[in-house]
Amino acid sequence: MPDAIVIGGGQSGLAAAYALREAGLEPLVLEAGSEPVGSWPRYYDSLTLFSPARYSSLPGKRFPGDPRHYPHRYEVVGYLRDYASALDADIRTGHRVESVHHNGSFVVRAGHEFEAPVVVAASGWFGRPHVPALPGLDSFAGAVMHAADYREPSAFAGQRIIVVGAGNSGVQIGAELADHASVTIATRKPVRYAPQRPLGRDLQFWLTVTGAARLPRSVKGDPPTVPVLDTGYYRGRIRDGRPDRRPMFTRLEGRHVIWSDGRREPVDTLLLATGYRPDMPYLDGLGALDERGVPRHRRGVSTSVPGLGYVGLEWQSTLVSASLRGVGRDARYVVRRLAAMR
């Protein structure tokens, strides 16, 4: 029997396994995919990190290359592969967890049954794309896709596209598509921006030296939205109408969008950049999740199921919790708390 079972072998699961080994415990990591790299291979091709390499490392291994450069998606995939290969842990790929039961110890079913006194759910925050209840969406005759399924812009050349949502992904994808298509970003509120390099230094530098990266979340309820990190490029693109930004439409009819001023316009593709929700159906029945499927926890330690922890939740403890730099700190805290309960 391992000392702990970690569900998920992406950045959160690898950080949890490292923290468990650091505490002298033997983890078993169960990863649904074919390799322990999480969701990174499925993100859109042009994705780069908002944080330079200096602030993008997991515990025990520095991110390679110039510490000032902003790593590309494929660099993160390579980094995670190397990290997993050097990690002294039993990592089993192709093991999708189906259920978790608790009766003194945890029994985790993933094709076979595995048992341990501790479970860390590290399948992250990005497994279930969120589709909002938009009027007319169910009968919309155009194409509908989530940002999770977007890869690159060439297939959309010449189309009329509405991007719903103005977070970082929505604005980045919208600007990229606008070089190939007619694109509007539709939002309920104006786009919010934050400087990526205030006073010539990356925002992560200021978050670190001021201690803001360690500040706990101060309000309850849904996590606050993060503004678009920008050097001025995206603000300029939207100001120039490439893409333009409009208030949210009122409804969809057939292949048309009806704008708030009553105008009716045909649309080819509706792209939903509307975020994600936790994807942990394997915890159903444990009492670990609330009615929305969101974990009941305090800083990653379950408040309803002893011995259960989480790593990689958005705003788990701080603003950077779901990032490469943040999961290591959270993992160490969760492991300390869970180890004390054994």
C-alpha atoms as a PDB file:
ATOM      1  CA  MET A   1       0.000   0.000   0.000  1.00  0.00           C
ATOM      2  CA  PRO A   2       1.410   3.426  -0.908  1.00  0.00           C
ATOM      3  CA  ASP A   3       1.384   6.182   1.700  1.00  0.00           C
ATOM      4  CA  ALA A   4      -0.702   8.386  -0.586  1.00  0.00           C
ATOM      5  CA  ILE A   5      -2.439   8.275  -3.956  1.00  0.00           C
ATOM      6  CA  VAL A   6      -2.155  11.364  -6.136  1.00  0.00           C
ATOM      7  CA  ILE A   7      -4.878  11.700  -8.779  1.00  0.00           C
ATOM      8  CA  GLY A   8      -3.506  13.531 -11.793  1.00  0.00           C
ATOM      9  CA  GLY A   9       0.015  13.662 -13.185  1.00  0.00           C
ATOM     10  CA  GLY A  10       0.203  17.231 -14.472  1.00  0.00           C
ATOM     11  CA  GLN A  11       2.033  20.065 -12.772  1.00  0.00           C
ATOM     12  CA  SER A  12      -0.165  19.830  -9.652  1.00  0.00           C
ATOM     13  CA  GLY A  13       0.198  16.077  -9.269  1.00  0.00           C
ATOM     14  CA  LEU A  14       3.949  16.182  -9.837  1.00  0.00           C
ATOM     15  CA  ALA A  15       4.318  18.942  -7.224  1.00  0.00           C
ATOM     16  CA  ALA A  16       2.246  16.871  -4.799  1.00  0.00           C
ATOM     17  CA  ALA A  17       4.390  13.779  -5.430  1.00  0.00           C
ATOM     18  CA  TYR A  18       7.556  15.829  -4.853  1.00  0.00           C
ATOM     19  CA  ALA A  19       6.193  17.152  -1.547  1.00  0.00           C
ATOM     20  CA  LEU A  20       5.236  13.640  -0.445  1.00  0.00           C
ATOM     21  CA  ARG A  21       8.700  12.281  -1.247  1.00  0.00           C
ATOM     22  CA  GLU A  22      10.231  15.274   0.528  1.00  0.00           C
ATOM     23  CA  ALA A  23       8.187  14.279   3.600  1.00  0.00           C
ATOM     24  CA  GLY A  24       9.530  10.708   3.388  1.00  0.00           C
ATOM     25  CA  LEU A  25       6.298   9.230   2.032  1.00  0.00           C
ATOM     26  CA  GLU A  26       5.751   6.885  -0.915  1.00  0.00           C
ATOM     27  CA  PRO A  27       3.211   8.262  -3.406  1.00  0.00           C
ATOM     28  CA  LEU A  28       1.427   6.527  -6.242  1.00  0.00           C
ATOM     29  CA  VAL A  29       0.488   8.925  -9.057  1.00  0.00           C
ATOM     30  CA  LEU A  30      -2.420   7.947 -11.332  1.00  0.00           C
ATOM     31  CA  GLU A  31      -2.563   9.871 -14.618  1.00  0.00           C
ATOM     32  CA  ALA A  32      -5.356   9.410 -17.162  1.00  0.00           C
ATOM     33  CA  GLY A  33      -3.259  10.490 -20.142  1.00  0.00           C
ATOM     34  CA  SER A  34      -0.424   8.799 -21.947  1.00  0.00           C
ATOM     35  CA  GLU A  35       2.258  10.881 -20.222  1.00  0.00           C
ATOM     36  CA  PRO A  36       2.491  13.010 -17.060  1.00  0.00           C
ATOM     37  CA  VAL A  37       2.213  16.481 -18.609  1.00  0.00           C
ATOM     38  CA  GLY A  38      -1.348  17.464 -17.728  1.00  0.00           C
ATOM     39  CA  SER A  39      -3.419  19.592 -20.111  1.00  0.00           C
ATOM     40  CA  TRP A  40      -0.518  21.507 -21.653  1.00  0.00           C
ATOM     41  CA  PRO A  41      -0.371  19.584 -24.977  1.00  0.00           C
ATOM     42  CA  ARG A  42      -4.047  20.424 -25.594  1.00  0.00           C
ATOM     43  CA  TYR A  43      -3.769  24.197 -25.224  1.00  0.00           C
ATOM     44  CA  TYR A  44      -3.706  26.456 -28.280  1.00  0.00           C
ATOM     45  CA  ASP A  45      -0.499  26.488 -30.282  1.00  0.00           C
ATOM     46  CA  SER A  46       0.570  30.094 -29.665  1.00  0.00           C
ATOM     47  CA  LEU A  47       0.148  29.982 -25.888  1.00  0.00           C
ATOM     48  CA  THR A  48       3.020  31.418 -23.887  1.00  0.00           C
ATOM     49  CA  LEU A  49       3.243  31.836 -20.131  1.00  0.00           C
ATOM     50  CA  PHE A  50       2.477  35.187 -18.543  1.00  0.00           C
ATOM     51  CA  SER A  51       5.372  34.616 -16.159  1.00  0.00           C
ATOM     52  CA  PRO A  52       9.026  34.477 -17.171  1.00  0.00           C
ATOM     53  CA  ALA A  53      10.966  31.256 -16.646  1.00  0.00           C
ATOM     54  CA  ARG A  54      12.422  32.623 -13.406  1.00  0.00           C
ATOM     55  CA  TYR A  55       8.950  32.380 -11.843  1.00  0.00           C
ATOM     56  CA  SER A  56       7.757  29.221 -13.605  1.00  0.00           C
ATOM     57  CA  SER A  57       9.475  26.365 -11.812  1.00  0.00           C
ATOM     58  CA  LEU A  58       8.252  23.434  -9.781  1.00  0.00           C
ATOM     59  CA  PRO A  59      10.083  22.552  -6.542  1.00  0.00           C
ATOM     60  CA  GLY A  60      13.537  21.097  -7.025  1.00  0.00           C
ATOM     61  CA  LYS A  61      14.056  21.873 -10.713  1.00  0.00           C
ATOM     62  CA  ARG A  62      14.697  25.249 -12.337  1.00  0.00           C
ATOM     63  CA  PHE A  63      12.913  25.994 -15.594  1.00  0.00           C
ATOM     64  CA  PRO A  64      15.641  25.890 -18.297  1.00  0.00           C
ATOM     65  CA  GLY A  65      16.759  28.706 -20.566  1.00  0.00           C
ATOM     66  CA  ASP A  66      17.054  32.434 -20.065  1.00  0.00           C
ATOM     67  CA  PRO A  67      15.240  33.181 -16.785  1.00  0.00           C
ATOM     68  CA  ARG A  68      13.800  36.345 -18.364  1.00  0.00           C
ATOM     69  CA  HIS A  69      12.101  34.639 -21.320  1.00  0.00           C
ATOM     70  CA  TYR A  70       8.417  33.722 -21.424  1.00  0.00           C
ATOM     71  CA  PRO A  71       8.190  29.967 -22.056  1.00  0.00           C
ATOM     72  CA  HIS A  72       6.059  28.610 -24.877  1.00  0.00           C
ATOM     73  CA  ARG A  73       3.524  25.838 -24.338  1.00  0.00           C
ATOM     74  CA  TYR A  74       5.813  23.193 -25.867  1.00  0.00           C
ATOM     75  CA  GLU A  75       8.626  24.218 -23.490  1.00  0.00           C
ATOM     76  CA  VAL A  76       6.346  23.577 -20.520  1.00  0.00           C
ATOM     77  CA  VAL A  77       5.488  20.128 -21.890  1.00  0.00           C
ATOM     78  CA  GLY A  78       9.183  19.286 -22.195  1.00  0.00           C
ATOM     79  CA  TYR A  79       9.899  20.620 -18.721  1.00  0.00           C
ATOM     80  CA  LEU A  80       7.158  18.482 -17.164  1.00  0.00           C
ATOM     81  CA  ARG A  81       8.396  15.377 -18.996  1.00  0.00           C
ATOM     82  CA  ASP A  82      11.892  15.923 -17.614  1.00  0.00           C
ATOM     83  CA  TYR A  83      10.549  16.680 -14.149  1.00  0.00           C
ATOM     84  CA  ALA A  84       8.501  13.476 -14.043  1.00  0.00           C
ATOM     85  CA  SER A  85      11.389  11.322 -15.292  1.00  0.00           C
ATOM     86  CA  ALA A  86      13.623  12.604 -12.475  1.00  0.00           C
ATOM     87  CA  LEU A  87      10.980  12.238  -9.790  1.00  0.00           C
ATOM     88  CA  ASP A  88      11.402   9.295  -7.456  1.00  0.00           C
ATOM     89  CA  ALA A  89       7.755   8.254  -7.537  1.00  0.00           C
ATOM     90  CA  ASP A  90       5.557   5.513  -8.968  1.00  0.00           C
ATOM     91  CA  ILE A  91       3.762   7.267 -11.848  1.00  0.00           C
ATOM     92  CA  ARG A  92       1.243   5.194 -13.794  1.00  0.00           C
ATOM     93  CA  THR A  93      -0.142   6.666 -16.991  1.00  0.00           C
ATOM     94  CA  GLY A  94      -3.299   5.468 -18.735  1.00  0.00           C
ATOM     95  CA  HIS A  95      -5.046   5.177 -15.362  1.00  0.00           C
ATOM     96  CA  ARG A  96      -8.210   7.294 -15.355  1.00  0.00           C
ATOM     97  CA  VAL A  97      -9.715   7.356 -11.883  1.00  0.00           C
ATOM     98  CA  GLU A  98     -13.351   6.273 -11.914  1.00  0.00           C
ATOM     99  CA  SER A  99     -14.258   6.452  -8.244  1.00  0.00           C
ATOM    100  CA  VAL A 100     -12.919   7.004  -4.739  1.00  0.00           C
ATOM    101  CA  HIS A 101     -14.447   5.364  -1.679  1.00  0.00           C
ATOM    102  CA  HIS A 102     -13.525   5.850   1.952  1.00  0.00           C
ATOM    103  CA  ASN A 103     -13.937   3.346   4.724  1.00  0.00           C
ATOM    104  CA  GLY A 104     -11.070   3.806   7.125  1.00  0.00           C
ATOM    105  CA  SER A 105      -8.717   4.132   4.148  1.00  0.00           C
ATOM    106  CA  PHE A 106      -9.306   5.269   0.584  1.00  0.00           C
ATOM    107  CA  VAL A 107     -10.012   2.814  -2.213  1.00  0.00           C
ATOM    108  CA  VAL A 108      -9.332   4.341  -5.616  1.00  0.00           C
ATOM    109  CA  ARG A 109     -10.616   2.555  -8.693  1.00  0.00           C
ATOM    110  CA  ALA A 110      -8.778   3.181 -11.948  1.00  0.00           C
ATOM    111  CA  GLY A 111      -9.220  -0.052 -13.858  1.00  0.00           C
ATOM    112  CA  HIS A 112      -7.699  -1.745 -10.824  1.00  0.00           C
ATOM    113  CA  GLU A 113      -8.265  -0.886  -7.184  1.00  0.00           C
ATOM    114  CA  PHE A 114      -5.587   0.906  -5.187  1.00  0.00           C
ATOM    115  CA  GLU A 115      -5.671   1.630  -1.471  1.00  0.00           C
ATOM    116  CA  ALA A 116      -4.004   4.308   0.644  1.00  0.00           C
ATOM    117  CA  PRO A 117      -4.675   6.303   3.850  1.00  0.00           C
ATOM    118  CA  VAL A 118      -4.299   9.633   1.996  1.00  0.00           C
ATOM    119  CA  VAL A 119      -5.548  10.925  -1.353  1.00  0.00           C
ATOM    120  CA  VAL A 120      -4.498  14.140  -3.080  1.00  0.00           C
ATOM    121  CA  ALA A 121      -6.863  15.195  -5.870  1.00  0.00           C
ATOM    122  CA  ALA A 122      -4.585  17.034  -8.294  1.00  0.00           C
ATOM    123  CA  SER A 123      -6.551  16.812 -11.517  1.00  0.00           C
ATOM    124  CA  GLY A 124      -6.668  20.580 -11.416  1.00  0.00           C
ATOM    125  CA  TRP A 125      -9.144  23.301 -12.281  1.00  0.00           C
ATOM    126  CA  PHE A 126      -9.110  23.050 -16.063  1.00  0.00           C
ATOM    127  CA  GLY A 127     -10.709  19.688 -16.810  1.00  0.00           C
ATOM    128  CA  ARG A 128     -14.299  20.795 -17.448  1.00  0.00           C
ATOM    129  CA  PRO A 129     -14.849  23.679 -19.908  1.00  0.00           C
ATOM    130  CA  HIS A 130     -17.660  25.917 -18.694  1.00  0.00           C
ATOM    131  CA  VAL A 131     -20.542  26.510 -21.114  1.00  0.00           C
ATOM    132  CA  PRO A 132     -22.773  29.361 -19.873  1.00  0.00           C
ATOM    133  CA  ALA A 133     -26.540  29.432 -20.321  1.00  0.00           C
ATOM    134  CA  LEU A 134     -26.754  31.889 -23.222  1.00  0.00           C
ATOM    135  CA  PRO A 135     -30.231  32.598 -24.642  1.00  0.00           C
ATOM    136  CA  GLY A 136     -30.639  30.618 -27.865  1.00  0.00           C
ATOM    137  CA  LEU A 137     -27.361  28.725 -27.560  1.00  0.00           C
ATOM    138  CA  ASP A 138     -29.030  25.296 -27.684  1.00  0.00           C
ATOM    139  CA  SER A 139     -30.597  26.033 -31.084  1.00  0.00           C
ATOM    140  CA  PHE A 140     -27.790  28.145 -32.596  1.00  0.00           C
ATOM    141  CA  ALA A 141     -27.181  26.908 -36.154  1.00  0.00           C
ATOM    142  CA  GLY A 142     -23.591  28.118 -36.442  1.00  0.00           C
ATOM    143  CA  ALA A 143     -20.503  26.434 -35.040  1.00  0.00           C
ATOM    144  CA  VAL A 144     -19.972  26.533 -31.272  1.00  0.00           C
ATOM    145  CA  MET A 145     -16.665  25.719 -29.647  1.00  0.00           C
ATOM    146  CA  HIS A 146     -14.927  26.328 -26.348  1.00  0.00           C
ATOM    147  CA  ALA A 147     -11.490  27.887 -26.111  1.00  0.00           C
ATOM    148  CA  ALA A 148     -10.324  24.487 -24.821  1.00  0.00           C
ATOM    149  CA  ASP A 149     -10.805  23.125 -28.359  1.00  0.00           C
ATOM    150  CA  TYR A 150      -9.132  26.008 -30.210  1.00  0.00           C
ATOM    151  CA  ARG A 151      -5.670  25.345 -31.662  1.00  0.00           C
ATOM    152  CA  GLU A 152      -4.740  27.851 -34.405  1.00  0.00           C
ATOM    153  CA  PRO A 153      -6.480  30.461 -36.610  1.00  0.00           C
ATOM    154  CA  SER A 154      -6.033  29.350 -40.233  1.00  0.00           C
ATOM    155  CA  ALA A 155      -9.202  27.228 -40.317  1.00  0.00           C
ATOM    156  CA  PHE A 156     -11.303  30.312 -39.497  1.00  0.00           C
ATOM    157  CA  ALA A 157     -10.124  32.517 -42.375  1.00  0.00           C
ATOM    158  CA  GLY A 158     -12.850  34.838 -43.657  1.00  0.00           C
ATOM    159  CA  GLN A 159     -15.383  33.918 -40.970  1.00  0.00           C
ATOM    160  CA  ARG A 160     -17.502  36.127 -38.731  1.00  0.00           C
ATOM    161  CA  ILE A 161     -16.601  35.113 -35.192  1.00  0.00           C
ATOM    162  CA  ILE A 162     -17.919  36.138 -31.784  1.00  0.00           C
ATOM    163  CA  VAL A 163     -15.656  35.412 -28.819  1.00  0.00           C
ATOM    164  CA  VAL A 164     -17.571  35.335 -25.532  1.00  0.00           C
ATOM    165  CA  GLY A 165     -15.408  36.322 -22.572  1.00  0.00           C
ATOM    166  CA  ALA A 166     -12.586  38.784 -22.068  1.00  0.00           C
ATOM    167  CA  GLY A 167     -10.134  37.001 -19.848  1.00  0.00           C
ATOM    168  CA  ASN A 168      -6.558  36.421 -20.934  1.00  0.00           C
ATOM    169  CA  SER A 169      -7.401  33.474 -23.199  1.00  0.00           C
ATOM    170  CA  GLY A 170     -10.367  35.217 -24.821  1.00  0.00           C
ATOM    171  CA  VAL A 171      -8.397  38.351 -25.642  1.00  0.00           C
ATOM    172  CA  GLN A 172      -5.329  36.443 -26.856  1.00  0.00           C
ATOM    173  CA  ILE A 173      -7.354  34.138 -29.091  1.00  0.00           C
ATOM    174  CA  GLY A 174      -9.525  37.008 -30.329  1.00  0.00           C
ATOM    175  CA  ALA A 175      -6.493  39.071 -31.338  1.00  0.00           C
ATOM    176  CA  GLU A 176      -4.924  36.097 -33.105  1.00  0.00           C
ATOM    177  CA  LEU A 177      -8.131  35.294 -35.001  1.00  0.00           C
ATOM    178  CA  ALA A 178      -8.589  38.939 -36.000  1.00  0.00           C
ATOM    179  CA  ASP A 179      -5.637  38.628 -38.396  1.00  0.00           C
ATOM    180  CA  HIS A 180      -7.653  36.046 -40.350  1.00  0.00           C
ATOM    181  CA  ALA A 181     -11.332  36.814 -39.688  1.00  0.00           C
ATOM    182  CA  SER A 182     -13.831  39.449 -38.545  1.00  0.00           C
ATOM    183  CA  VAL A 183     -13.875  39.097 -34.768  1.00  0.00           C
ATOM    184  CA  THR A 184     -15.859  40.676 -31.938  1.00  0.00           C
ATOM    185  CA  ILE A 185     -15.274  40.055 -28.254  1.00  0.00           C
ATOM    186  CA  ALA A 186     -18.621  40.140 -26.422  1.00  0.00           C
ATOM    187  CA  THR A 187     -18.537  40.860 -22.686  1.00  0.00           C
ATOM    188  CA  ARG A 188     -20.882  41.975 -19.932  1.00  0.00           C
ATOM    189  CA  LYS A 189     -18.295  44.440 -18.629  1.00  0.00           C
ATOM    190  CA  PRO A 190     -15.422  46.361 -20.255  1.00  0.00           C
ATOM    191  CA  VAL A 191     -12.111  44.533 -20.587  1.00  0.00           C
ATOM    192  CA  ARG A 192      -9.870  45.028 -17.555  1.00  0.00           C
ATOM    193  CA  TYR A 193      -6.122  45.291 -18.070  1.00  0.00           C
ATOM    194  CA  ALA A 194      -3.087  45.029 -15.809  1.00  0.00           C
ATOM    195  CA  PRO A 195       0.422  46.006 -16.921  1.00  0.00           C
ATOM    196  CA  GLN A 196       2.584  42.952 -17.528  1.00  0.00           C
ATOM    197  CA  ARG A 197       5.818  44.891 -16.979  1.00  0.00           C
ATOM    198  CA  PRO A 198       5.176  47.838 -14.644  1.00  0.00           C
ATOM    199  CA  LEU A 199       8.222  50.105 -14.307  1.00  0.00           C
ATOM    200  CA  GLY A 200      10.134  47.804 -16.656  1.00  0.00           C
ATOM    201  CA  ARG A 201       9.975  44.724 -14.423  1.00  0.00           C
ATOM    202  CA  ASP A 202       7.667  41.747 -14.850  1.00  0.00           C
ATOM    203  CA  LEU A 203       4.562  41.769 -12.695  1.00  0.00           C
ATOM    204  CA  GLN A 204       5.720  38.544 -11.025  1.00  0.00           C
ATOM    205  CA  PHE A 205       8.769  40.412  -9.730  1.00  0.00           C
ATOM    206  CA  TRP A 206       6.543  42.958  -8.000  1.00  0.00           C
ATOM    207  CA  LEU A 207       4.204  40.267  -6.666  1.00  0.00           C
ATOM    208  CA  THR A 208       7.264  38.560  -5.158  1.00  0.00           C
ATOM    209  CA  VAL A 209       9.080  41.536  -3.626  1.00  0.00           C
ATOM    210  CA  THR A 210       5.881  43.007  -2.168  1.00  0.00           C
ATOM    211  CA  GLY A 211       4.685  39.655  -0.859  1.00  0.00           C
ATOM    212  CA  ALA A 212       1.423  39.951  -2.798  1.00  0.00           C
ATOM    213  CA  ALA A 213       1.942  36.500  -4.340  1.00  0.00           C
ATOM    214  CA  ARG A 214       1.552  35.031  -0.849  1.00  0.00           C
ATOM    215  CA  LEU A 215      -1.487  37.033   0.197  1.00  0.00           C
ATOM    216  CA  PRO A 216      -4.486  34.787   0.867  1.00  0.00           C
ATOM    217  CA  ARG A 217      -7.778  35.300  -0.862  1.00  0.00           C
ATOM    218  CA  SER A 218      -9.669  37.897   1.142  1.00  0.00           C
ATOM    219  CA  VAL A 219     -13.253  37.283  -0.018  1.00  0.00           C
ATOM    220  CA  LYS A 220     -15.508  34.242  -0.126  1.00  0.00           C
ATOM    221  CA  GLY A 221     -17.561  33.034  -3.074  1.00  0.00           C
ATOM    222  CA  ASP A 222     -16.386  32.574  -6.648  1.00  0.00           C
ATOM    223  CA  PRO A 223     -12.733  33.423  -7.358  1.00  0.00           C
ATOM    224  CA  PRO A 224     -12.225  37.001  -8.544  1.00  0.00           C
ATOM    225  CA  THR A 225     -11.511  37.419 -12.247  1.00  0.00           C
ATOM    226  CA  VAL A 226      -7.935  38.140 -13.259  1.00  0.00           C
ATOM    227  CA  PRO A 227      -7.424  41.127 -15.577  1.00  0.00           C
ATOM    228  CA  VAL A 228      -5.741  40.770 -18.959  1.00  0.00           C
ATOM    229  CA  LEU A 229      -1.972  41.034 -18.531  1.00  0.00           C
ATOM    230  CA  ASP A 230      -0.824  43.375 -21.256  1.00  0.00           C
ATOM    231  CA  THR A 231       2.207  45.274 -22.485  1.00  0.00           C
ATOM    232  CA  GLY A 232      -0.154  47.572 -24.392  1.00  0.00           C
ATOM    233  CA  TYR A 233      -0.467  45.279 -27.385  1.00  0.00           C
ATOM    234  CA  TYR A 234      -3.946  43.895 -26.650  1.00  0.00           C
ATOM    235  CA  ARG A 235      -5.348  47.217 -25.507  1.00  0.00           C
ATOM    236  CA  GLY A 236      -4.148  48.712 -28.792  1.00  0.00           C
ATOM    237  CA  ARG A 237      -5.621  45.918 -30.892  1.00  0.00           C
ATOM    238  CA  ILE A 238      -9.041  46.263 -29.282  1.00  0.00           C
ATOM    239  CA  ARG A 239      -8.900  50.057 -29.507  1.00  0.00           C
ATOM    240  CA  ASP A 240      -8.258  49.688 -33.247  1.00  0.00           C
ATOM    241  CA  GLY A 241     -11.145  47.224 -33.644  1.00  0.00           C
ATOM    242  CA  ARG A 242      -8.995  44.163 -34.406  1.00  0.00           C
ATOM    243  CA  PRO A 243     -10.877  42.596 -32.639  1.00  0.00           C
ATOM    244  CA  ASP A 244     -13.566  45.005 -31.526  1.00  0.00           C
ATOM    245  CA  ARG A 245     -15.310  44.716 -28.187  1.00  0.00           C
ATOM    246  CA  ARG A 246     -19.083  45.041 -27.746  1.00  0.00           C
ATOM    247  CA  PRO A 247     -21.546  44.653 -24.861  1.00  0.00           C
ATOM    248  CA  MET A 248     -22.946  41.154 -24.553  1.00  0.00           C
ATOM    249  CA  PHE A 249     -25.586  40.191 -27.115  1.00  0.00           C
ATOM    250  CA  THR A 250     -29.132  39.562 -25.923  1.00  0.00           C
ATOM    251  CA  ARG A 251     -29.767  36.243 -27.700  1.00  0.00           C
ATOM    252  CA  LEU A 252     -28.936  33.909 -30.570  1.00  0.00           C
ATOM    253  CA  GLU A 253     -31.451  33.047 -33.288  1.00  0.00           C
ATOM    254  CA  GLY A 254     -30.704  30.515 -36.004  1.00  0.00           C
ATOM    255  CA  ARG A 255     -27.313  31.563 -37.357  1.00  0.00           C
ATOM    256  CA  HIS A 256     -27.708  35.140 -36.098  1.00  0.00           C
ATOM    257  CA  VAL A 257     -26.704  37.119 -33.042  1.00  0.00           C
ATOM    258  CA  ILE A 258     -29.027  39.846 -31.745  1.00  0.00           C
ATOM    259  CA  TRP A 259     -27.053  42.732 -30.257  1.00  0.00           C
ATOM    260  CA  SER A 260     -28.262  44.875 -27.360  1.00  0.00           C
ATOM    261  CA  ASP A 261     -29.256  47.691 -29.764  1.00  0.00           C
ATOM    262  CA  GLY A 262     -31.493  45.313 -31.724  1.00  0.00           C
ATOM    263  CA  ARG A 263     -29.164  44.781 -34.672  1.00  0.00           C
ATOM    264  CA  ARG A 264     -29.224  41.288 -36.173  1.00  0.00           C
ATOM    265  CA  GLU A 265     -26.039  39.840 -37.631  1.00  0.00           C
ATOM    266  CA  PRO A 266     -25.102  36.450 -39.131  1.00  0.00           C
ATOM    267  CA  VAL A 267     -22.319  34.590 -37.338  1.00  0.00           C
ATOM    268  CA  ASP A 268     -20.210  31.628 -38.452  1.00  0.00           C
ATOM    269  CA  THR A 269     -18.575  30.629 -35.164  1.00  0.00           C
ATOM    270  CA  LEU A 270     -19.258  31.321 -31.506  1.00  0.00           C
ATOM    271  CA  LEU A 271     -16.121  30.727 -29.435  1.00  0.00           C
ATOM    272  CA  LEU A 272     -16.657  30.459 -25.683  1.00  0.00           C
ATOM    273  CA  ALA A 273     -13.687  31.708 -23.667  1.00  0.00           C
ATOM    274  CA  THR A 274     -15.711  31.250 -20.510  1.00  0.00           C
ATOM    275  CA  GLY A 275     -13.331  29.415 -18.241  1.00  0.00           C
ATOM    276  CA  TYR A 276     -13.408  26.052 -16.555  1.00  0.00           C
ATOM    277  CA  ARG A 277     -14.813  24.253 -13.561  1.00  0.00           C
ATOM    278  CA  PRO A 278     -13.252  21.501 -11.420  1.00  0.00           C
ATOM    279  CA  ASP A 279     -13.606  18.054 -12.974  1.00  0.00           C
ATOM    280  CA  MET A 280     -13.681  15.605 -10.090  1.00  0.00           C
ATOM    281  CA  PRO A 281     -16.636  13.255 -10.669  1.00  0.00           C
ATOM    282  CA  TYR A 282     -14.636  10.500  -9.008  1.00  0.00           C
ATOM    283  CA  LEU A 283     -15.312  12.221  -5.669  1.00  0.00           C
ATOM    284  CA  ASP A 284     -19.107  12.065  -6.053  1.00  0.00           C
ATOM    285  CA  GLY A 285     -20.687  10.360  -3.084  1.00  0.00           C
ATOM    286  CA  LEU A 286     -17.902  11.200  -0.633  1.00  0.00           C
ATOM    287  CA  GLY A 287     -19.431  14.473   0.525  1.00  0.00           C
ATOM    288  CA  ALA A 288     -16.252  16.215  -0.605  1.00  0.00           C
ATOM    289  CA  LEU A 289     -17.919  18.507  -3.162  1.00  0.00           C
ATOM    290  CA  ASP A 290     -20.639  21.115  -2.883  1.00  0.00           C
ATOM    291  CA  GLU A 291     -23.740  21.199  -5.069  1.00  0.00           C
ATOM    292  CA  ARG A 292     -21.747  22.832  -7.913  1.00  0.00           C
ATOM    293  CA  GLY A 293     -19.035  20.177  -7.847  1.00  0.00           C
ATOM    294  CA  VAL A 294     -16.551  22.526  -6.157  1.00  0.00           C
ATOM    295  CA  PRO A 295     -14.344  21.036  -3.408  1.00  0.00           C
ATOM    296  CA  ARG A 296     -15.106  21.891   0.192  1.00  0.00           C
ATOM    297  CA  HIS A 297     -11.680  22.774   1.522  1.00  0.00           C
ATOM    298  CA  ARG A 298      -9.532  25.206   3.442  1.00  0.00           C
ATOM    299  CA  ARG A 299      -6.216  25.942   1.718  1.00  0.00           C
ATOM    300  CA  GLY A 300      -6.446  22.588  -0.075  1.00  0.00           C
ATOM    301  CA  VAL A 301      -7.314  20.412   2.919  1.00  0.00           C
ATOM    302  CA  SER A 302     -10.778  18.894   2.746  1.00  0.00           C
ATOM    303  CA  THR A 303     -13.128  20.193   5.429  1.00  0.00           C
ATOM    304  CA  SER A 304     -15.492  17.234   5.060  1.00  0.00           C
ATOM    305  CA  VAL A 305     -13.350  14.145   4.338  1.00  0.00           C
ATOM    306  CA  PRO A 306     -10.326  13.494   6.608  1.00  0.00           C
ATOM    307  CA  GLY A 307      -7.201  12.463   4.689  1.00  0.00           C
ATOM    308  CA  LEU A 308      -8.275  14.136   1.430  1.00  0.00           C
ATOM    309  CA  GLY A 309      -6.405  17.089  -0.031  1.00  0.00           C
ATOM    310  CA  TYR A 310      -6.242  19.129  -3.216  1.00  0.00           C
ATOM    311  CA  VAL A 311      -3.519  20.785  -5.239  1.00  0.00           C
ATOM    312  CA  GLY A 312      -3.979  23.018  -8.281  1.00  0.00           C
ATOM    313  CA  LEU A 313      -7.319  24.661  -7.528  1.00  0.00           C
ATOM    314  CA  GLU A 314      -7.759  28.229  -8.716  1.00  0.00           C
ATOM    315  CA  TRP A 315      -7.235  30.573  -5.754  1.00  0.00           C
ATOM    316  CA  GLN A 316      -6.624  27.526  -3.543  1.00  0.00           C
ATOM    317  CA  SER A 317      -4.716  29.762  -1.165  1.00  0.00           C
ATOM    318  CA  THR A 318      -3.357  32.676  -3.238  1.00  0.00           C
ATOM    319  CA  LEU A 319      -3.550  34.321  -6.649  1.00  0.00           C
ATOM    320  CA  VAL A 320      -0.790  32.061  -8.030  1.00  0.00           C
ATOM    321  CA  SER A 321      -2.126  28.756  -6.632  1.00  0.00           C
ATOM    322  CA  ALA A 322      -2.961  27.182 -10.002  1.00  0.00           C
ATOM    323  CA  SER A 323       0.318  28.245 -11.641  1.00  0.00           C
ATOM    324  CA  LEU A 324       3.630  26.445 -12.027  1.00  0.00           C
ATOM    325  CA  ARG A 325       5.143  28.650  -9.350  1.00  0.00           C
ATOM    326  CA  GLY A 326       2.210  28.275  -6.968  1.00  0.00           C
ATOM    327  CA  VAL A 327       1.441  24.556  -6.870  1.00  0.00           C
ATOM    328  CA  GLY A 328       4.668  23.649  -5.069  1.00  0.00           C
ATOM    329  CA  ARG A 329       3.995  25.875  -2.077  1.00  0.00           C
ATOM    330  CA  ASP A 330       0.410  24.673  -1.802  1.00  0.00           C
ATOM    331  CA  ALA A 331       1.483  21.036  -2.155  1.00  0.00           C
ATOM    332  CA  ARG A 332       3.935  21.313   0.734  1.00  0.00           C
ATOM    333  CA  TYR A 333       1.294  22.852   2.980  1.00  0.00           C
ATOM    334  CA  VAL A 334      -1.317  20.208   2.110  1.00  0.00           C
ATOM    335  CA  VAL A 335       1.147  17.335   2.588  1.00  0.00           C
ATOM    336  CA  ARG A 336       2.200  18.658   6.010  1.00  0.00           C
ATOM    337  CA  ARG A 337      -1.407  18.842   7.124  1.00  0.00           C
ATOM    338  CA  LEU A 338      -2.357  15.418   5.745  1.00  0.00           C
ATOM    339  CA  ALA A 339       0.777  13.749   7.147  1.00  0.00           C
ATOM    340  CA  ALA A 340      -0.114  15.083  10.591  1.00  0.00           C
ATOM    341  CA  MET A 341      -3.491  13.334  10.380  1.00  0.00           C
ATOM    342  CA  ARG A 342      -2.075   9.875   9.597  1.00  0.00           C
END
